[in-house]
Amino acid sequence: MTDAISVTRNGHRTFFKWHRGRRQASDPVFTGRRIIEGMKLGASVEVDLVIHGDNGFAVLHNLSLKGETTGTGLVRETPAAVLRELHLRDNEGRPIADKVMLLEDLAALIARDGAHPEGLLQLDYKEDAAALNAEAIAKFGKALGPVARHFILSSGDAESVRLLSENVPGLRIGYDPCHKGALERLSATRDYAAFVADAVAASPKSELDYLEYRLVLEAEKDGFDIIAAFHRHGRRIDAYTVRRADDEGMAVIERLLALKVDQITTDDPEGVAARLG
């Protein structure tokens, strides 16, 4: 029976990443209870980070508070104390008991409850280096310092990852090369080898690179195994995001498993595991 953590096919283990802290499709995003549950089970879990009004980081995806929370306005203009009093919303837009977390709250959860040795919590920074200042960088390091070994930092902006990680020992590094027009250029050139080389050069310390699953499958269609190409550079690959464990989603997952992807980002890890049996 496959669990919501990983599956092994032909000797290769592939993790299911709990996208935005979801174990199943009905879960609201970014709740501390699900995140810590995943970490204690040894899951790969992902949350997003945006900068708030006190130059720290909120565990949210959007730059606006509307939609994900009971607040209004921009996260960047909202103080930490105000953010902590806002409630998250469920998938239907209804407020729930869980409140918005800041990065230090998330780190405190891990410090308090611990994590399985294989548990890995991805912090996906949603802004760029221009949004960072010395205070934000210092607060990032202070929050993560004691528990950094349980985290991996990623972004579509390699310079942001460098700035945030350089003084945080133990923090693992990832990179998403599918931004800043890269996919549009690749669509025109079909030069997958150059795309891989550019990605490796952009973030030389990355151990886990994140690729849109459509890119992985398009490369395969063109006769290029992009996962194998990254593997030759010592990089593991996460393919994102398979939203549902329906027939269409499972067909994608089967193709990714055949290509020996290392991790699949999904909103329904439990549903995927159930379908795989």
C-alpha atoms as a PDB file:
ATOM      1  CA  MET A   1       0.000   0.000   0.000  1.00  0.00           C
ATOM      2  CA  THR A   2       1.449   3.367  -1.053  1.00  0.00           C
ATOM      3  CA  ASP A   3       1.383   6.044   1.660  1.00  0.00           C
ATOM      4  CA  ALA A   4       1.062   9.822   1.367  1.00  0.00           C
ATOM      5  CA  ILE A   5       4.825  10.210   1.734  1.00  0.00           C
ATOM      6  CA  SER A   6       6.400   8.439  -1.235  1.00  0.00           C
ATOM      7  CA  VAL A   7       6.263   5.585  -3.714  1.00  0.00           C
ATOM      8  CA  THR A   8       9.055   3.349  -5.033  1.00  0.00           C
ATOM      9  CA  ARG A   9       8.985   2.281  -8.673  1.00  0.00           C
ATOM     10  CA  ASN A  10      11.688   0.170 -10.300  1.00  0.00           C
ATOM     11  CA  GLY A  11      14.024   0.854  -7.410  1.00  0.00           C
ATOM     12  CA  HIS A  12      13.563   4.639  -7.520  1.00  0.00           C
ATOM     13  CA  ARG A  13      11.840   6.456  -4.661  1.00  0.00           C
ATOM     14  CA  THR A  14       9.645   9.464  -5.452  1.00  0.00           C
ATOM     15  CA  PHE A  15       8.307  11.732  -2.715  1.00  0.00           C
ATOM     16  CA  PHE A  16       4.894  13.377  -2.827  1.00  0.00           C
ATOM     17  CA  LYS A  17       5.244  17.000  -1.776  1.00  0.00           C
ATOM     18  CA  TRP A  18       2.390  18.392   0.295  1.00  0.00           C
ATOM     19  CA  HIS A  19       1.760  21.571  -1.716  1.00  0.00           C
ATOM     20  CA  ARG A  20       1.031  24.544   0.569  1.00  0.00           C
ATOM     21  CA  GLY A  21       0.826  22.134   3.488  1.00  0.00           C
ATOM     22  CA  ARG A  22      -2.024  20.028   2.104  1.00  0.00           C
ATOM     23  CA  ARG A  23      -2.292  16.300   2.764  1.00  0.00           C
ATOM     24  CA  GLN A  24      -5.586  15.989   0.892  1.00  0.00           C
ATOM     25  CA  ALA A  25      -7.407  18.157  -1.622  1.00  0.00           C
ATOM     26  CA  SER A  26      -9.987  19.382   0.894  1.00  0.00           C
ATOM     27  CA  ASP A  27      -7.354  20.784   3.274  1.00  0.00           C
ATOM     28  CA  PRO A  28      -7.015  24.556   3.674  1.00  0.00           C
ATOM     29  CA  VAL A  29      -3.548  25.909   2.960  1.00  0.00           C
ATOM     30  CA  PHE A  30      -0.763  26.706   5.415  1.00  0.00           C
ATOM     31  CA  THR A  31      -2.200  25.288   8.637  1.00  0.00           C
ATOM     32  CA  GLY A  32       0.361  24.535  11.301  1.00  0.00           C
ATOM     33  CA  ARG A  33      -1.350  21.275  12.285  1.00  0.00           C
ATOM     34  CA  ARG A  34      -1.000  19.765   8.798  1.00  0.00           C
ATOM     35  CA  ILE A  35       2.529  21.071   8.319  1.00  0.00           C
ATOM     36  CA  ILE A  36       3.794  19.584  11.571  1.00  0.00           C
ATOM     37  CA  GLU A  37       1.890  16.353  10.879  1.00  0.00           C
ATOM     38  CA  GLY A  38       3.710  16.005   7.581  1.00  0.00           C
ATOM     39  CA  MET A  39       7.082  16.796   9.081  1.00  0.00           C
ATOM     40  CA  LYS A  40       6.665  14.249  11.862  1.00  0.00           C
ATOM     41  CA  LEU A  41       5.688  11.598   9.301  1.00  0.00           C
ATOM     42  CA  GLY A  42       8.756  12.300   7.153  1.00  0.00           C
ATOM     43  CA  ALA A  43       6.910  14.007   4.320  1.00  0.00           C
ATOM     44  CA  SER A  44       8.135  16.666   1.945  1.00  0.00           C
ATOM     45  CA  VAL A  45       6.040  19.745   2.725  1.00  0.00           C
ATOM     46  CA  GLU A  46       5.950  23.138   1.000  1.00  0.00           C
ATOM     47  CA  VAL A  47       4.886  26.609   2.110  1.00  0.00           C
ATOM     48  CA  ASP A  48       5.297  30.017   0.528  1.00  0.00           C
ATOM     49  CA  LEU A  49       6.886  33.152   1.957  1.00  0.00           C
ATOM     50  CA  VAL A  50       6.198  36.824   1.293  1.00  0.00           C
ATOM     51  CA  ILE A  51       7.593  39.870   3.083  1.00  0.00           C
ATOM     52  CA  HIS A  52       5.415  41.678   5.619  1.00  0.00           C
ATOM     53  CA  GLY A  53       5.385  45.242   6.916  1.00  0.00           C
ATOM     54  CA  ASP A  54       8.012  44.677   9.601  1.00  0.00           C
ATOM     55  CA  ASN A  55      10.545  43.205   7.163  1.00  0.00           C
ATOM     56  CA  GLY A  56       9.906  39.642   8.225  1.00  0.00           C
ATOM     57  CA  PHE A  57       8.179  36.807   6.379  1.00  0.00           C
ATOM     58  CA  ALA A  58       4.568  35.652   6.357  1.00  0.00           C
ATOM     59  CA  VAL A  59       3.579  32.103   5.412  1.00  0.00           C
ATOM     60  CA  LEU A  60       1.356  33.126   2.509  1.00  0.00           C
ATOM     61  CA  HIS A  61       1.405  32.792  -1.274  1.00  0.00           C
ATOM     62  CA  ASN A  62      -0.171  36.048  -2.420  1.00  0.00           C
ATOM     63  CA  LEU A  63       1.126  39.585  -2.047  1.00  0.00           C
ATOM     64  CA  SER A  64      -2.435  40.620  -1.162  1.00  0.00           C
ATOM     65  CA  LEU A  65      -4.229  39.421   1.966  1.00  0.00           C
ATOM     66  CA  LYS A  66      -7.494  39.047   0.087  1.00  0.00           C
ATOM     67  CA  GLY A  67      -8.468  35.469  -0.662  1.00  0.00           C
ATOM     68  CA  GLU A  68      -6.134  33.508   1.607  1.00  0.00           C
ATOM     69  CA  THR A  69      -6.948  35.407   4.812  1.00  0.00           C
ATOM     70  CA  THR A  70      -9.631  37.479   6.536  1.00  0.00           C
ATOM     71  CA  GLY A  71      -7.527  40.590   6.000  1.00  0.00           C
ATOM     72  CA  THR A  72      -7.372  43.211   3.270  1.00  0.00           C
ATOM     73  CA  GLY A  73      -4.549  45.187   1.709  1.00  0.00           C
ATOM     74  CA  LEU A  74      -0.994  44.166   0.926  1.00  0.00           C
ATOM     75  CA  VAL A  75       1.055  41.828   3.093  1.00  0.00           C
ATOM     76  CA  ARG A  76       4.019  44.182   2.581  1.00  0.00           C
ATOM     77  CA  GLU A  77       2.108  46.979   4.321  1.00  0.00           C
ATOM     78  CA  THR A  78       0.779  44.898   7.217  1.00  0.00           C
ATOM     79  CA  PRO A  79       2.646  44.643  10.545  1.00  0.00           C
ATOM     80  CA  ALA A  80       3.453  41.273  12.057  1.00  0.00           C
ATOM     81  CA  ALA A  81       1.105  41.744  15.021  1.00  0.00           C
ATOM     82  CA  VAL A  82      -1.837  42.395  12.707  1.00  0.00           C
ATOM     83  CA  LEU A  83      -1.017  39.401  10.500  1.00  0.00           C
ATOM     84  CA  ARG A  84      -0.980  37.045  13.480  1.00  0.00           C
ATOM     85  CA  GLU A  85      -4.584  37.991  14.290  1.00  0.00           C
ATOM     86  CA  LEU A  86      -5.873  37.211  10.794  1.00  0.00           C
ATOM     87  CA  HIS A  87      -7.573  33.907  10.083  1.00  0.00           C
ATOM     88  CA  LEU A  88      -6.889  31.707   7.086  1.00  0.00           C
ATOM     89  CA  ARG A  89      -9.723  30.761   4.737  1.00  0.00           C
ATOM     90  CA  ASP A  90     -10.730  27.324   3.499  1.00  0.00           C
ATOM     91  CA  ASN A  91     -11.092  26.306  -0.138  1.00  0.00           C
ATOM     92  CA  GLU A  92     -14.602  27.795  -0.229  1.00  0.00           C
ATOM     93  CA  GLY A  93     -13.415  31.126   1.131  1.00  0.00           C
ATOM     94  CA  ARG A  94     -14.789  30.607   4.640  1.00  0.00           C
ATOM     95  CA  PRO A  95     -12.699  31.724   7.636  1.00  0.00           C
ATOM     96  CA  ILE A  96     -11.230  28.889   9.710  1.00  0.00           C
ATOM     97  CA  ALA A  97      -9.837  28.757  13.235  1.00  0.00           C
ATOM     98  CA  ASP A  98      -6.216  28.632  12.065  1.00  0.00           C
ATOM     99  CA  LYS A  99      -4.420  31.961  11.912  1.00  0.00           C
ATOM    100  CA  VAL A 100      -1.705  33.320   9.643  1.00  0.00           C
ATOM    101  CA  MET A 101       1.776  32.217  10.663  1.00  0.00           C
ATOM    102  CA  LEU A 102       5.026  34.089  10.368  1.00  0.00           C
ATOM    103  CA  LEU A 103       8.304  32.333   9.577  1.00  0.00           C
ATOM    104  CA  GLU A 104       9.370  32.430  13.217  1.00  0.00           C
ATOM    105  CA  ASP A 105       6.074  30.798  14.244  1.00  0.00           C
ATOM    106  CA  LEU A 106       6.694  28.002  11.769  1.00  0.00           C
ATOM    107  CA  ALA A 107      10.251  27.506  12.990  1.00  0.00           C
ATOM    108  CA  ALA A 108       9.010  27.464  16.600  1.00  0.00           C
ATOM    109  CA  LEU A 109       6.562  24.673  15.721  1.00  0.00           C
ATOM    110  CA  ILE A 110       9.397  22.540  14.369  1.00  0.00           C
ATOM    111  CA  ALA A 111      11.589  23.340  17.373  1.00  0.00           C
ATOM    112  CA  ARG A 112       8.776  22.390  19.767  1.00  0.00           C
ATOM    113  CA  ASP A 113       7.402  19.259  18.086  1.00  0.00           C
ATOM    114  CA  GLY A 114      10.428  17.994  16.179  1.00  0.00           C
ATOM    115  CA  ALA A 115      10.503  16.324  12.781  1.00  0.00           C
ATOM    116  CA  HIS A 116      11.197  12.938  11.236  1.00  0.00           C
ATOM    117  CA  PRO A 117      14.763  12.700   9.858  1.00  0.00           C
ATOM    118  CA  GLU A 118      13.351  12.572   6.310  1.00  0.00           C
ATOM    119  CA  GLY A 119      10.902  15.436   6.843  1.00  0.00           C
ATOM    120  CA  LEU A 120      11.789  18.405   4.632  1.00  0.00           C
ATOM    121  CA  LEU A 121       9.982  21.741   4.685  1.00  0.00           C
ATOM    122  CA  GLN A 122      10.374  23.825   1.542  1.00  0.00           C
ATOM    123  CA  LEU A 123      10.218  27.596   1.917  1.00  0.00           C
ATOM    124  CA  ASP A 124       9.313  28.970  -1.504  1.00  0.00           C
ATOM    125  CA  TYR A 125      10.120  32.681  -1.510  1.00  0.00           C
ATOM    126  CA  LYS A 126       7.650  34.385  -3.843  1.00  0.00           C
ATOM    127  CA  GLU A 127       9.352  37.766  -4.333  1.00  0.00           C
ATOM    128  CA  ASP A 128      12.781  38.744  -5.637  1.00  0.00           C
ATOM    129  CA  ALA A 129      16.084  40.071  -4.369  1.00  0.00           C
ATOM    130  CA  ALA A 130      14.976  43.678  -4.837  1.00  0.00           C
ATOM    131  CA  ALA A 131      12.356  43.172  -2.114  1.00  0.00           C
ATOM    132  CA  LEU A 132      14.981  42.119   0.438  1.00  0.00           C
ATOM    133  CA  ASN A 133      16.865  44.455   2.742  1.00  0.00           C
ATOM    134  CA  ALA A 134      19.404  43.830   5.495  1.00  0.00           C
ATOM    135  CA  GLU A 135      16.718  43.636   8.178  1.00  0.00           C
ATOM    136  CA  ALA A 136      14.690  41.030   6.280  1.00  0.00           C
ATOM    137  CA  ILE A 137      17.787  38.920   5.618  1.00  0.00           C
ATOM    138  CA  ALA A 138      18.795  39.083   9.289  1.00  0.00           C
ATOM    139  CA  LYS A 139      15.300  38.151  10.484  1.00  0.00           C
ATOM    140  CA  PHE A 140      15.230  35.191   8.115  1.00  0.00           C
ATOM    141  CA  GLY A 141      18.468  33.823   9.529  1.00  0.00           C
ATOM    142  CA  LYS A 142      17.460  34.430  13.140  1.00  0.00           C
ATOM    143  CA  ALA A 143      14.132  32.629  12.697  1.00  0.00           C
ATOM    144  CA  LEU A 144      15.594  29.557  11.019  1.00  0.00           C
ATOM    145  CA  GLY A 145      18.952  29.227  12.747  1.00  0.00           C
ATOM    146  CA  PRO A 146      18.153  26.541  15.358  1.00  0.00           C
ATOM    147  CA  VAL A 147      16.105  24.348  12.980  1.00  0.00           C
ATOM    148  CA  ALA A 148      17.606  25.162   9.570  1.00  0.00           C
ATOM    149  CA  ARG A 149      18.512  21.536   8.868  1.00  0.00           C
ATOM    150  CA  HIS A 150      14.813  20.704   8.431  1.00  0.00           C
ATOM    151  CA  PHE A 151      14.301  23.325   5.708  1.00  0.00           C
ATOM    152  CA  ILE A 152      15.107  23.879   2.055  1.00  0.00           C
ATOM    153  CA  LEU A 153      14.864  27.378   0.569  1.00  0.00           C
ATOM    154  CA  SER A 154      13.726  27.852  -3.021  1.00  0.00           C
ATOM    155  CA  SER A 155      12.781  30.659  -5.367  1.00  0.00           C
ATOM    156  CA  GLY A 156      12.547  31.493  -9.026  1.00  0.00           C
ATOM    157  CA  ASP A 157      15.158  34.156  -8.250  1.00  0.00           C
ATOM    158  CA  ALA A 158      18.556  32.593  -7.559  1.00  0.00           C
ATOM    159  CA  GLU A 159      20.001  35.790  -6.093  1.00  0.00           C
ATOM    160  CA  SER A 160      17.295  35.828  -3.411  1.00  0.00           C
ATOM    161  CA  VAL A 161      18.242  32.310  -2.369  1.00  0.00           C
ATOM    162  CA  ARG A 162      21.905  33.271  -2.201  1.00  0.00           C
ATOM    163  CA  LEU A 163      21.247  36.342  -0.058  1.00  0.00           C
ATOM    164  CA  LEU A 164      18.909  34.599   2.353  1.00  0.00           C
ATOM    165  CA  SER A 165      20.904  31.393   2.746  1.00  0.00           C
ATOM    166  CA  GLU A 166      24.528  32.501   2.882  1.00  0.00           C
ATOM    167  CA  ASN A 167      24.545  33.005   6.668  1.00  0.00           C
ATOM    168  CA  VAL A 168      22.221  30.142   7.638  1.00  0.00           C
ATOM    169  CA  PRO A 169      24.321  27.002   8.227  1.00  0.00           C
ATOM    170  CA  GLY A 170      22.497  23.762   7.524  1.00  0.00           C
ATOM    171  CA  LEU A 171      19.819  25.290   5.309  1.00  0.00           C
ATOM    172  CA  ARG A 172      19.444  23.324   2.097  1.00  0.00           C
ATOM    173  CA  ILE A 173      19.111  25.085  -1.240  1.00  0.00           C
ATOM    174  CA  GLY A 174      16.749  24.641  -4.166  1.00  0.00           C
ATOM    175  CA  TYR A 175      16.019  26.575  -7.343  1.00  0.00           C
ATOM    176  CA  ASP A 176      13.157  26.965  -9.802  1.00  0.00           C
ATOM    177  CA  PRO A 177      14.533  27.868 -13.260  1.00  0.00           C
ATOM    178  CA  CYS A 178      11.087  28.143 -14.873  1.00  0.00           C
ATOM    179  CA  HIS A 179      10.706  31.903 -14.336  1.00  0.00           C
ATOM    180  CA  LYS A 180      11.905  35.203 -15.811  1.00  0.00           C
ATOM    181  CA  GLY A 181      10.880  34.229 -19.342  1.00  0.00           C
ATOM    182  CA  ALA A 182      12.908  30.998 -19.343  1.00  0.00           C
ATOM    183  CA  LEU A 183      10.028  28.817 -20.498  1.00  0.00           C
ATOM    184  CA  GLU A 184       9.075  31.232 -23.248  1.00  0.00           C
ATOM    185  CA  ARG A 185      12.654  31.219 -24.552  1.00  0.00           C
ATOM    186  CA  LEU A 186      12.806  27.448 -24.329  1.00  0.00           C
ATOM    187  CA  SER A 187       9.549  27.138 -26.243  1.00  0.00           C
ATOM    188  CA  ALA A 188      11.165  29.061 -29.076  1.00  0.00           C
ATOM    189  CA  THR A 189      14.573  27.343 -29.073  1.00  0.00           C
ATOM    190  CA  ARG A 190      13.761  23.800 -27.836  1.00  0.00           C
ATOM    191  CA  ASP A 191      17.356  23.795 -26.569  1.00  0.00           C
ATOM    192  CA  TYR A 192      16.821  21.748 -23.425  1.00  0.00           C
ATOM    193  CA  ALA A 193      20.519  21.123 -22.857  1.00  0.00           C
ATOM    194  CA  ALA A 194      21.155  24.876 -22.701  1.00  0.00           C
ATOM    195  CA  PHE A 195      18.221  25.292 -20.298  1.00  0.00           C
ATOM    196  CA  VAL A 196      19.737  22.697 -17.966  1.00  0.00           C
ATOM    197  CA  ALA A 197      23.199  24.264 -18.181  1.00  0.00           C
ATOM    198  CA  ASP A 198      21.809  27.732 -17.455  1.00  0.00           C
ATOM    199  CA  ALA A 199      19.848  26.436 -14.451  1.00  0.00           C
ATOM    200  CA  VAL A 200      22.886  24.721 -12.960  1.00  0.00           C
ATOM    201  CA  ALA A 201      25.029  27.820 -13.479  1.00  0.00           C
ATOM    202  CA  ALA A 202      22.423  30.167 -11.996  1.00  0.00           C
ATOM    203  CA  SER A 203      22.251  28.342  -8.660  1.00  0.00           C
ATOM    204  CA  PRO A 204      25.424  26.272  -8.257  1.00  0.00           C
ATOM    205  CA  LYS A 205      24.617  25.184  -4.681  1.00  0.00           C
ATOM    206  CA  SER A 206      21.125  23.896  -5.431  1.00  0.00           C
ATOM    207  CA  GLU A 207      20.490  20.228  -4.664  1.00  0.00           C
ATOM    208  CA  LEU A 208      16.830  20.135  -5.715  1.00  0.00           C
ATOM    209  CA  ASP A 209      15.486  21.936  -8.775  1.00  0.00           C
ATOM    210  CA  TYR A 210      11.795  22.538  -9.409  1.00  0.00           C
ATOM    211  CA  LEU A 211      10.346  22.129 -12.895  1.00  0.00           C
ATOM    212  CA  GLU A 212       6.834  22.617 -14.214  1.00  0.00           C
ATOM    213  CA  TYR A 213       5.640  19.121 -15.022  1.00  0.00           C
ATOM    214  CA  ARG A 214       4.467  20.236 -18.468  1.00  0.00           C
ATOM    215  CA  LEU A 215       8.077  21.149 -19.278  1.00  0.00           C
ATOM    216  CA  VAL A 216       9.246  17.681 -18.230  1.00  0.00           C
ATOM    217  CA  LEU A 217       6.638  15.987 -20.415  1.00  0.00           C
ATOM    218  CA  GLU A 218       7.194  18.325 -23.363  1.00  0.00           C
ATOM    219  CA  ALA A 219      10.917  17.593 -23.254  1.00  0.00           C
ATOM    220  CA  GLU A 220      10.168  13.870 -23.236  1.00  0.00           C
ATOM    221  CA  LYS A 221       7.904  14.352 -26.251  1.00  0.00           C
ATOM    222  CA  ASP A 222      10.827  16.045 -28.017  1.00  0.00           C
ATOM    223  CA  GLY A 223      13.108  13.121 -27.171  1.00  0.00           C
ATOM    224  CA  PHE A 224      15.010  14.779 -24.306  1.00  0.00           C
ATOM    225  CA  ASP A 225      15.032  13.285 -20.809  1.00  0.00           C
ATOM    226  CA  ILE A 226      15.372  16.480 -18.795  1.00  0.00           C
ATOM    227  CA  ILE A 227      15.241  14.674 -15.454  1.00  0.00           C
ATOM    228  CA  ALA A 228      18.187  12.466 -16.420  1.00  0.00           C
ATOM    229  CA  ALA A 229      20.054  15.567 -17.616  1.00  0.00           C
ATOM    230  CA  PHE A 230      19.667  17.250 -14.218  1.00  0.00           C
ATOM    231  CA  HIS A 231      20.576  13.994 -12.475  1.00  0.00           C
ATOM    232  CA  ARG A 232      23.887  14.016 -14.329  1.00  0.00           C
ATOM    233  CA  HIS A 233      24.616  17.331 -12.596  1.00  0.00           C
ATOM    234  CA  GLY A 234      23.795  15.840  -9.198  1.00  0.00           C
ATOM    235  CA  ARG A 235      20.440  17.588  -8.978  1.00  0.00           C
ATOM    236  CA  ARG A 236      17.218  15.995  -7.804  1.00  0.00           C
ATOM    237  CA  ILE A 237      14.022  17.097  -9.566  1.00  0.00           C
ATOM    238  CA  ASP A 238      10.603  18.096  -8.270  1.00  0.00           C
ATOM    239  CA  ALA A 239       7.856  18.276 -10.904  1.00  0.00           C
ATOM    240  CA  TYR A 240       4.995  20.658 -10.049  1.00  0.00           C
ATOM    241  CA  THR A 241       1.956  20.882  -9.659  1.00  0.00           C
ATOM    242  CA  VAL A 242      -0.456  17.966 -10.145  1.00  0.00           C
ATOM    243  CA  ARG A 243      -3.636  19.402  -8.649  1.00  0.00           C
ATOM    244  CA  ARG A 244      -5.930  16.382  -8.478  1.00  0.00           C
ATOM    245  CA  ALA A 245      -5.750  12.618  -8.247  1.00  0.00           C
ATOM    246  CA  ASP A 246      -8.248  12.213 -11.086  1.00  0.00           C
ATOM    247  CA  ASP A 247      -7.620  10.212 -14.261  1.00  0.00           C
ATOM    248  CA  GLU A 248      -5.843  13.120 -15.949  1.00  0.00           C
ATOM    249  CA  GLY A 249      -3.649  13.816 -12.938  1.00  0.00           C
ATOM    250  CA  MET A 250      -2.768  10.159 -12.475  1.00  0.00           C
ATOM    251  CA  ALA A 251      -1.789   9.818 -16.136  1.00  0.00           C
ATOM    252  CA  VAL A 252       0.693  12.660 -15.588  1.00  0.00           C
ATOM    253  CA  ILE A 253       2.014  11.046 -12.423  1.00  0.00           C
ATOM    254  CA  GLU A 254       2.561   7.701 -14.143  1.00  0.00           C
ATOM    255  CA  ARG A 255       4.638   9.405 -16.848  1.00  0.00           C
ATOM    256  CA  LEU A 256       6.676  11.280 -14.244  1.00  0.00           C
ATOM    257  CA  LEU A 257       7.316   8.099 -12.273  1.00  0.00           C
ATOM    258  CA  ALA A 258       8.506   6.360 -15.426  1.00  0.00           C
ATOM    259  CA  LEU A 259      11.025   9.187 -15.894  1.00  0.00           C
ATOM    260  CA  LYS A 260      12.300   8.689 -12.317  1.00  0.00           C
ATOM    261  CA  VAL A 261      11.316  12.084 -10.983  1.00  0.00           C
ATOM    262  CA  ASP A 262      12.454  12.531  -7.378  1.00  0.00           C
ATOM    263  CA  GLN A 263       9.463  14.454  -6.107  1.00  0.00           C
ATOM    264  CA  ILE A 264       5.974  15.357  -7.313  1.00  0.00           C
ATOM    265  CA  THR A 265       4.198  18.434  -5.999  1.00  0.00           C
ATOM    266  CA  THR A 266       0.501  17.785  -5.509  1.00  0.00           C
ATOM    267  CA  ASP A 267      -2.512  19.232  -3.702  1.00  0.00           C
ATOM    268  CA  ASP A 268      -3.707  15.706  -2.896  1.00  0.00           C
ATOM    269  CA  PRO A 269      -0.876  13.420  -1.742  1.00  0.00           C
ATOM    270  CA  GLU A 270      -3.313  11.131   0.031  1.00  0.00           C
ATOM    271  CA  GLY A 271      -5.514  10.818  -3.039  1.00  0.00           C
ATOM    272  CA  VAL A 272      -2.524  10.101  -5.264  1.00  0.00           C
ATOM    273  CA  ALA A 273      -1.284   7.427  -2.867  1.00  0.00           C
ATOM    274  CA  ALA A 274      -4.717   5.798  -2.785  1.00  0.00           C
ATOM    275  CA  ARG A 275      -4.910   5.693  -6.585  1.00  0.00           C
ATOM    276  CA  LEU A 276      -1.448   4.156  -6.837  1.00  0.00           C
ATOM    277  CA  GLY A 277      -2.441   1.497  -4.328  1.00  0.00           C
END
